[in-house]
Protein backbone atom coordinates (compact mmCIF):
# COMPACT_ATOMS: atom_id res chain seq x y z
CA MET A 1 4.24 -16.39 7.29
CA SER A 2 6.71 -13.57 7.07
CA ALA A 3 5.93 -10.81 4.62
CA ASP A 4 9.60 -9.97 4.17
CA ALA A 5 11.11 -13.39 3.54
CA HIS A 6 9.46 -16.18 1.58
CA ALA A 7 11.11 -19.40 0.48
CA PRO A 8 11.04 -19.85 -3.30
CA LYS A 9 7.98 -21.73 -4.50
CA ASN A 10 7.17 -23.59 -7.68
CA ARG A 11 4.70 -21.12 -9.19
CA ALA A 12 3.19 -23.52 -11.68
CA SER A 13 2.50 -26.31 -9.21
CA ALA A 14 1.17 -23.88 -6.61
CA SER A 15 -1.30 -22.42 -9.05
CA ALA A 16 -2.40 -25.82 -10.27
CA SER A 17 -3.34 -26.81 -6.73
CA GLN A 18 -5.87 -24.03 -6.21
CA THR A 19 -9.39 -25.13 -5.43
CA PRO A 20 -12.54 -23.21 -4.47
CA ASP A 21 -12.46 -24.80 -0.98
CA LEU A 22 -9.20 -23.74 0.59
CA GLN A 23 -7.74 -25.68 3.49
CA PRO A 24 -8.37 -23.87 6.78
CA ALA A 25 -4.92 -24.68 8.14
CA ILE A 26 -2.68 -21.71 8.76
CA SER A 27 1.06 -21.65 8.28
CA PRO A 28 3.10 -22.41 11.41
CA ASN A 29 4.79 -19.04 10.97
CA ALA A 30 1.58 -17.04 10.71
CA ALA A 31 0.24 -14.94 13.57
CA PRO A 32 -2.35 -16.56 15.86
CA ALA A 33 -5.98 -16.40 14.81
CA TRP A 34 -8.45 -14.06 16.45
CA SER A 35 -12.18 -14.35 16.90
CA ASP A 36 -14.77 -12.03 15.44
CA ALA A 37 -16.04 -11.27 18.93
CA SER A 38 -12.77 -10.27 20.56
CA PRO A 39 -9.21 -9.32 19.60
CA GLY A 40 -7.76 -12.51 21.08
CA THR A 41 -4.03 -12.82 21.58
CA ALA A 42 -1.96 -10.45 19.51
CA PRO A 43 1.41 -11.59 18.20
CA PRO A 44 4.51 -10.28 19.94
CA GLN A 45 5.30 -6.72 18.94
CA ARG A 46 7.96 -6.40 16.29
CA ALA A 47 10.32 -3.51 16.14
CA ILE A 48 9.34 -1.00 13.48
CA SER A 49 12.67 0.56 12.65
CA PRO A 50 12.87 3.25 10.00
CA ASN A 51 15.08 2.86 6.95
CA ALA A 52 18.25 4.86 7.05
CA ALA A 53 17.75 7.79 4.71
CA PRO A 54 18.00 11.58 4.53
CA ALA A 55 15.85 13.55 6.98
CA TRP A 56 12.68 15.24 5.78
CA PRO A 57 13.59 18.43 3.91
CA ASP A 58 12.51 21.64 5.59
CA ALA A 59 11.17 23.00 2.32
CA SER A 60 9.14 19.93 1.41
CA PRO A 61 5.44 20.40 2.06
CA GLY A 62 2.35 -12.19 -20.76
CA THR A 63 4.06 -14.30 -18.08
CA ALA A 64 7.04 -12.59 -16.70
CA PRO A 65 10.38 -14.36 -16.31
CA ASP A 66 11.83 -15.16 -12.90
CA ARG A 67 13.06 -12.21 -10.93
CA PRO A 68 16.12 -10.72 -12.66
CA ASP A 69 19.27 -9.33 -11.14
CA ALA A 70 19.33 -5.58 -10.64
CA SER A 71 21.60 -5.36 -13.66
CA PRO A 72 23.10 -7.90 -16.06
CA GLY A 73 25.54 -10.04 -14.12
CA ALA A 74 25.08 -8.04 -10.92
CA SER A 75 24.67 -9.52 -7.48
CA LEU A 76 24.13 -8.01 -4.05
CA ASP A 77 27.67 -9.08 -3.13
CA GLN A 78 29.11 -6.62 -5.64
CA PRO A 79 30.03 -3.15 -4.34
CA GLY A 80 27.27 -0.64 -5.03
CA ALA A 81 24.66 -3.22 -6.04
CA LEU A 82 21.14 -2.24 -4.97
CA PRO A 83 18.70 -4.66 -3.35
CA LEU A 84 15.95 -5.97 -5.57
CA LEU A 85 12.50 -4.54 -5.04
CA ARG A 86 9.45 -6.66 -4.23
CA PHE A 87 6.53 -5.92 -6.56
CA GLY A 88 2.88 -6.66 -5.93
CA TYR A 89 -0.46 -5.94 -7.60
CA GLY A 90 -3.55 -4.54 -5.91
CA THR A 91 -6.74 -6.58 -5.76
CA ASN A 92 -8.70 -3.34 -6.26
CA GLY A 93 -7.51 -3.72 -9.85
CA LEU A 94 -8.72 -7.33 -10.00
CA ALA A 95 -12.23 -6.80 -8.63
CA ASP A 96 -13.81 -8.99 -11.34
CA LEU A 97 -11.84 -12.04 -10.18
CA ARG A 98 -12.45 -14.28 -7.20
CA LEU A 99 -9.74 -13.71 -4.62
CA ASP A 100 -8.38 -17.24 -4.99
CA ASP A 101 -8.14 -16.79 -8.77
CA ALA A 102 -6.51 -13.38 -8.38
CA LEU A 103 -3.83 -14.74 -6.04
CA GLY A 104 -3.08 -17.64 -8.39
CA LEU A 105 -2.83 -15.26 -11.33
CA LEU A 106 -0.34 -12.99 -9.57
CA ALA A 107 1.81 -15.93 -8.47
CA ASP A 108 1.88 -17.33 -12.02
CA ILE A 109 2.91 -13.96 -13.47
CA GLY A 110 5.77 -13.74 -10.98
CA TYR A 111 4.70 -11.07 -8.50
CA ASP A 112 6.22 -11.13 -5.03
CA GLY A 113 3.00 -10.21 -3.27
CA VAL A 114 -0.43 -8.64 -3.28
CA GLY A 115 -2.04 -5.46 -2.02
CA LEU A 116 -5.23 -6.94 -0.57
CA THR A 117 -8.12 -4.48 -0.35
CA LEU A 118 -10.67 -5.70 2.18
CA ASP A 119 -13.94 -5.51 0.26
CA HIS A 120 -17.22 -7.33 -0.21
CA MET A 121 -15.75 -9.53 -2.98
CA HIS A 122 -12.28 -10.01 -1.44
CA LEU A 123 -12.10 -11.07 2.23
CA ASP A 124 -15.14 -9.06 3.33
CA PRO A 125 -14.18 -7.54 6.70
CA LEU A 126 -17.82 -7.28 7.85
CA ALA A 127 -19.13 -10.72 6.88
CA PRO A 128 -19.36 -13.60 9.39
CA ASP A 129 -16.45 -15.96 10.13
CA LEU A 130 -13.75 -13.42 9.29
CA ALA A 131 -11.15 -15.24 11.39
CA ALA A 132 -11.76 -18.57 9.61
CA ARG A 133 -11.77 -16.94 6.18
CA THR A 134 -8.55 -15.12 7.04
CA ARG A 135 -6.88 -18.42 7.98
CA ARG A 136 -7.80 -19.87 4.61
CA VAL A 137 -6.31 -16.85 2.81
CA ALA A 138 -3.16 -17.13 4.95
CA HIS A 139 -2.79 -20.76 3.87
CA ARG A 140 -3.22 -19.79 0.22
CA LEU A 141 -0.69 -16.95 0.40
CA ASP A 142 1.81 -19.20 2.09
CA ALA A 143 1.37 -21.93 -0.52
CA LEU A 144 1.94 -19.42 -3.32
CA GLY A 145 4.85 -17.65 -1.63
CA LEU A 146 3.12 -14.27 -1.81
CA GLY A 147 3.73 -11.41 0.60
CA VAL A 148 0.80 -9.17 1.47
CA THR A 149 -0.15 -5.71 2.61
CA ILE A 150 -3.68 -4.82 3.70
CA GLU A 151 -5.38 -1.89 1.99
CA THR A 152 -8.56 -0.22 3.23
CA GLY A 153 -9.63 1.93 0.28
CA ALA A 154 -12.73 -0.06 -0.71
CA ARG A 155 -15.29 2.33 -2.14
CA TYR A 156 -18.58 1.07 -0.63
CA VAL A 157 -17.63 -1.49 2.01
CA LEU A 158 -19.12 0.59 4.86
CA ASP A 159 -21.90 2.48 3.11
CA PRO A 160 -23.62 1.47 -0.16
CA ARG A 161 -24.52 5.10 -0.92
CA ARG A 162 -21.37 7.05 0.00
CA LYS A 163 -18.10 6.36 -1.77
CA HIS A 164 -15.33 5.96 0.84
CA GLY A 165 -17.83 6.87 3.52
CA PRO A 166 -17.98 7.23 6.39
CA SER A 167 -14.51 8.64 6.94
CA LEU A 168 -12.39 9.40 9.98
CA LEU A 169 -13.57 13.02 9.70
CA ASP A 170 -17.34 12.55 9.56
CA PRO A 171 -19.50 14.82 11.77
CA ASP A 172 -21.31 11.86 13.35
CA PRO A 173 -19.11 10.21 16.01
CA ASP A 174 -20.85 6.87 15.43
CA ASP A 175 -19.93 7.04 11.75
CA ARG A 176 -16.33 7.87 12.61
CA ALA A 177 -16.33 4.88 14.95
CA ARG A 178 -17.39 2.61 12.07
CA ARG A 179 -14.32 3.65 10.08
CA THR A 180 -12.11 3.19 13.13
CA ASP A 181 -13.57 -0.29 13.65
CA LEU A 182 -12.81 -1.18 10.02
CA LEU A 183 -9.18 -0.14 10.49
CA VAL A 184 -8.91 -2.14 13.72
CA ARG A 185 -10.29 -5.18 11.91
CA ALA A 186 -7.77 -4.58 9.13
CA VAL A 187 -4.88 -4.57 11.62
CA ARG A 188 -6.02 -7.89 13.07
CA VAL A 189 -6.38 -9.41 9.62
CA ALA A 190 -2.91 -8.12 8.77
CA ALA A 191 -1.46 -9.76 11.88
CA ASP A 192 -3.00 -13.11 10.97
CA LEU A 193 -1.70 -12.87 7.39
CA GLY A 194 1.81 -11.72 8.31
CA ALA A 195 1.27 -8.49 6.34
CA HIS A 196 3.98 -5.85 6.37
CA ALA A 197 1.57 -2.91 6.85
CA VAL A 198 -2.03 -1.68 6.89
CA HIS A 199 -2.83 1.18 4.52
CA CYS A 200 -5.39 3.91 5.20
CA PHE A 201 -6.16 7.55 4.37
CA SER A 202 -7.69 10.52 6.18
CA GLY A 203 -10.79 11.26 4.14
CA VAL A 204 -12.16 14.51 2.72
CA PRO A 205 -13.03 17.21 5.29
CA PRO A 206 -16.80 17.69 5.52
CA GLU A 207 -18.08 21.01 4.23
CA GLY A 208 -17.83 23.72 6.85
CA LEU A 209 -15.34 21.89 9.07
CA ASP A 210 -12.39 24.12 9.99
CA LYS A 211 -8.90 22.71 9.50
CA ASP A 212 -7.84 22.77 13.16
CA THR A 213 -10.90 20.78 14.19
CA ALA A 214 -10.37 18.39 11.29
CA TRP A 215 -6.78 17.64 12.33
CA LYS A 216 -7.83 17.14 15.95
CA ARG A 217 -10.59 14.78 14.84
CA LEU A 218 -8.19 12.78 12.65
CA ALA A 219 -5.74 12.36 15.52
CA GLU A 220 -8.49 11.25 17.90
CA THR A 221 -9.97 8.68 15.53
CA LEU A 222 -6.60 7.18 14.63
CA THR A 223 -5.39 6.83 18.22
CA PRO A 224 -7.23 3.57 19.04
CA VAL A 225 -6.10 2.11 15.71
CA LEU A 226 -2.48 2.96 16.50
CA ASP A 227 -2.85 1.32 19.92
CA VAL A 228 -3.98 -1.95 18.30
CA ALA A 229 -1.28 -1.62 15.63
CA ALA A 230 1.40 -1.23 18.32
CA SER A 231 0.17 -4.35 20.14
CA ALA A 232 0.09 -6.34 16.91
CA GLY A 233 3.45 -5.09 15.63
CA ILE A 234 1.82 -3.94 12.37
CA PRO A 235 2.65 -0.46 11.00
CA LEU A 236 -0.29 1.75 10.07
CA ALA A 237 0.71 3.41 6.78
CA VAL A 238 -1.28 6.58 6.07
CA GLU A 239 -1.50 7.65 2.43
CA PRO A 240 -1.45 11.29 1.34
CA GLU A 241 -4.40 11.48 -1.05
CA PRO A 242 -5.19 14.42 -3.39
CA GLY A 243 -8.25 16.28 -2.14
CA HIS A 244 -8.11 14.76 1.36
CA LEU A 245 -7.23 16.53 4.60
CA LEU A 246 -3.92 14.66 4.56
CA ALA A 247 -2.95 15.32 0.95
CA THR A 248 0.83 15.78 0.92
CA LEU A 249 4.02 14.62 2.58
CA ALA A 250 4.05 17.83 4.61
CA ASP A 251 0.56 16.94 5.89
CA PHE A 252 1.85 13.54 6.97
CA GLN A 253 4.54 15.25 9.01
CA ARG A 254 1.88 17.42 10.62
CA LEU A 255 -0.05 14.32 11.67
CA ARG A 256 3.06 12.70 13.14
CA SER A 257 3.79 15.87 15.09
CA THR A 258 0.20 16.13 16.33
CA LEU A 259 0.26 12.54 17.57
CA GLY A 260 3.72 12.81 19.14
CA ASP A 261 5.59 10.70 16.58
CA PRO A 262 4.10 7.31 17.51
CA GLU A 263 6.24 4.37 16.41
CA PRO A 264 3.48 2.44 14.57
CA LEU A 265 2.55 5.41 12.36
CA GLY A 266 4.17 5.13 8.95
CA LEU A 267 3.59 6.31 5.41
CA THR A 268 2.06 4.87 2.27
CA LEU A 269 3.75 6.67 -0.61
CA ASP A 270 1.81 6.65 -3.87
CA ILE A 271 4.30 7.43 -6.65
CA GLY A 272 1.57 8.75 -8.95
CA HIS A 273 0.36 11.16 -6.28
CA CYS A 274 3.89 12.53 -6.01
CA GLN A 275 3.81 13.32 -9.72
CA CYS A 276 0.33 14.78 -9.41
CA LEU A 277 0.74 17.11 -6.47
CA GLU A 278 4.09 17.27 -4.66
CA PRO A 279 6.63 20.07 -5.25
CA LEU A 280 9.49 17.53 -5.41
CA SER A 281 9.95 14.99 -8.20
CA PRO A 282 8.74 11.45 -7.42
CA ALA A 283 12.31 10.20 -6.94
CA ASP A 284 13.07 13.02 -4.50
CA CYS A 285 9.79 12.33 -2.69
CA VAL A 286 11.00 8.76 -2.14
CA ARG A 287 14.27 9.99 -0.67
CA ALA A 288 12.51 12.56 1.53
CA ALA A 289 9.94 10.05 2.80
CA ALA A 290 12.36 7.14 3.32
CA PRO A 291 12.48 7.12 7.14
CA TRP A 292 8.72 6.59 7.33
CA LEU A 293 8.09 4.34 4.31
CA ARG A 294 5.96 1.34 5.25
CA HIS A 295 4.08 0.77 1.99
CA VAL A 296 4.43 1.95 -1.62
CA GLN A 297 1.84 2.14 -4.39
CA ILE A 298 2.87 2.72 -7.99
CA GLU A 299 1.25 3.65 -11.29
CA ASP A 300 1.71 6.31 -13.94
CA MET A 301 0.17 9.78 -13.63
CA ARG A 302 0.29 13.31 -15.06
CA ARG A 303 1.06 16.56 -13.30
CA GLY A 304 -1.99 18.09 -11.67
CA VAL A 305 -4.37 15.30 -12.77
CA HIS A 306 -5.39 12.63 -10.26
CA GLU A 307 -5.90 9.73 -12.63
CA HIS A 308 -4.23 6.35 -12.13
CA LEU A 309 -2.75 5.33 -15.49
CA PRO A 310 -1.06 2.20 -16.85
CA PHE A 311 2.71 2.46 -17.14
CA GLY A 312 3.75 4.51 -20.16
CA ASP A 313 0.49 6.48 -20.35
CA GLY A 314 1.64 9.23 -17.97
CA GLU A 315 4.69 11.40 -17.38
CA ILE A 316 6.74 9.58 -14.71
CA ASP A 317 10.34 8.57 -15.39
CA PHE A 318 10.41 5.30 -13.45
CA PRO A 319 14.09 4.21 -13.36
CA PRO A 320 15.13 7.12 -11.09
CA VAL A 321 12.15 6.41 -8.84
CA LEU A 322 13.03 2.72 -8.47
CA GLU A 323 16.71 3.55 -7.97
CA ALA A 324 15.78 5.92 -5.16
CA LEU A 325 13.44 3.34 -3.62
CA ALA A 326 16.03 0.56 -3.73
CA ALA A 327 18.68 2.88 -2.26
CA THR A 328 16.54 3.45 0.85
CA GLY A 329 16.66 -0.27 1.62
CA TYR A 330 12.85 -0.50 1.54
CA GLN A 331 11.83 -4.17 1.38
CA GLY A 332 8.07 -3.94 1.75
CA LEU A 333 5.86 -4.43 -1.28
CA THR A 334 5.64 -1.90 -4.11
CA VAL A 335 2.09 -2.47 -5.31
CA VAL A 336 0.68 -1.56 -8.73
CA GLU A 337 -2.57 0.36 -8.19
CA LEU A 338 -4.95 0.47 -11.15
CA PRO A 339 -8.40 0.36 -9.54
CA ARG A 340 -10.22 1.63 -12.63
CA HIS A 341 -8.76 -1.07 -14.88
CA SER A 342 -10.38 -4.17 -13.35
CA HIS A 343 -12.25 -4.81 -16.59
CA ALA A 344 -8.88 -5.86 -18.02
CA GLY A 345 -7.09 -6.64 -14.77
CA PRO A 346 -5.27 -9.80 -15.90
CA HIS A 347 -3.94 -7.94 -18.97
CA PHE A 348 -2.57 -5.02 -16.96
CA ALA A 349 -1.17 -7.30 -14.26
CA ALA A 350 0.72 -9.30 -16.90
CA HIS A 351 2.13 -6.19 -18.60
CA SER A 352 2.99 -4.16 -15.49
CA LEU A 353 5.57 -6.51 -13.98
CA PRO A 354 7.86 -6.72 -17.05
CA PHE A 355 7.72 -2.92 -17.30
CA LEU A 356 8.80 -2.53 -13.69
CA ARG A 357 11.55 -5.13 -13.92
CA HIS A 358 12.94 -3.42 -17.03
CA ALA A 359 12.85 -0.07 -15.23
CA GLU A 360 14.60 -1.70 -12.26
CA ARG A 361 17.40 -3.02 -14.49
CA THR A 362 17.75 0.41 -16.07
CA ALA A 363 17.87 2.00 -12.62
CA ALA A 364 20.98 -0.03 -11.78
CA THR A 365 22.90 1.82 -14.52
CA LEU A 366 22.00 5.34 -13.36
CA PRO A 367 24.60 7.72 -11.86
CA PRO A 368 24.15 8.88 -8.26
CA ALA A 369 21.26 11.24 -7.69
CA SER A 370 21.89 14.96 -7.94
CA ALA A 371 20.19 17.75 -6.01
CA PRO A 372 16.41 17.52 -5.51
CA ALA A 373 14.42 18.42 -8.60
CA LEU A 374 11.41 20.70 -8.27
CA GLN A 375 8.38 20.13 -10.43
CA GLN A 376 6.28 22.73 -12.14
CA ALA A 377 3.44 24.27 -10.14
CA ALA A 378 0.72 21.88 -9.04
CA PRO A 379 -2.90 22.67 -8.14
CA PRO A 380 -3.53 24.43 -4.80
CA HIS A 381 -2.69 22.42 -1.71
CA GLY A 382 -4.90 19.37 -1.53
CA ALA A 383 -7.08 20.41 -4.46
CA PRO A 384 -8.74 17.54 -6.34
CA SER A 385 -8.38 17.51 -10.07
CA ALA A 386 -11.27 17.86 -12.46
CA THR A 387 -11.02 14.19 -13.49
CA PRO A 388 -13.36 11.46 -12.19
CA GLU A 389 -10.62 10.20 -9.85
CA GLY A 390 -10.21 13.53 -8.10
CA SER A 391 -10.85 13.84 -4.37
CA ASN A 392 -13.29 11.33 -2.90
CA THR A 393 -14.36 9.92 -6.26
CA ARG A 394 -11.24 7.79 -6.70
């Protein structure tokens, strides 16, 4: 199953066919299965070519209708028409639903795909028979016509007592190896599902760890993951996260430089985090990050406050952001991330897609972008906010 091109499906009939026992058959186009005991045969490596876009700036640290045209009466054959974006919704915002139910819900609403967080309730990466369970999910995604990206931000999947622990920066090398193993498993799952990327983040530096050692440790722990990602043809998309070692776009560039610009290493750009912390506006962050974009997360947010908000509850002006994103030619998923709203996940999933489609139509009427806009001062570099979502408590 290709994550970038899906044949149109009948959403209603696909949803009606869901059953608790999914067929174990995998789509003919999906990557070959792998066993829990060994990597097995990886799919042929795909080229990971960057989108054409400006270089990184030196100074930068209810049920929705069918997919609309970018603007009334517009088509991609018209001069200047922008490609339509592909929107998804994260399963970390649907944690109270069974995975099969969550996928059916998103297909019925009209989403193009799903950001699948590997967690104990959704395709547990540590439970037995992962390969067989992955094949069943691949069959379900293919039947629903949903693209997928794999996300690895589950709070307690590795340790029931430490949120997001252990990380790639932990003092104990065995603990760091557990996180590396999780990411390797995620890459293999992504290959079997035809995902367009695997998301990850650096983690919070342990107290007392100096920055140079932290960056060296991050590079060392990511290297085996990048090797597997290169063999599988799956980009590893690192997310700048407020309060983490790798907190900004400038930090991402530092990691790429430290590792020697490896081809599989890409970027997860969280639009809310741009509003929260970056010196550039979110739209200008998109343009600056375009050559490395492999995954996009989206939600509303306020300046200096790391709190994922439903659309309209924050400060982001979304049409310019979506215009900038479409102009880069990015065709991966743009995934709504509302992990603290699972209690009303179906409600927010149903309301988020019409908001984004309206913003996308509005974006098609905007004039060309002007010079980069600088935001007001943000908290110190990498500083978590005082809210519950700050730093490693997200």
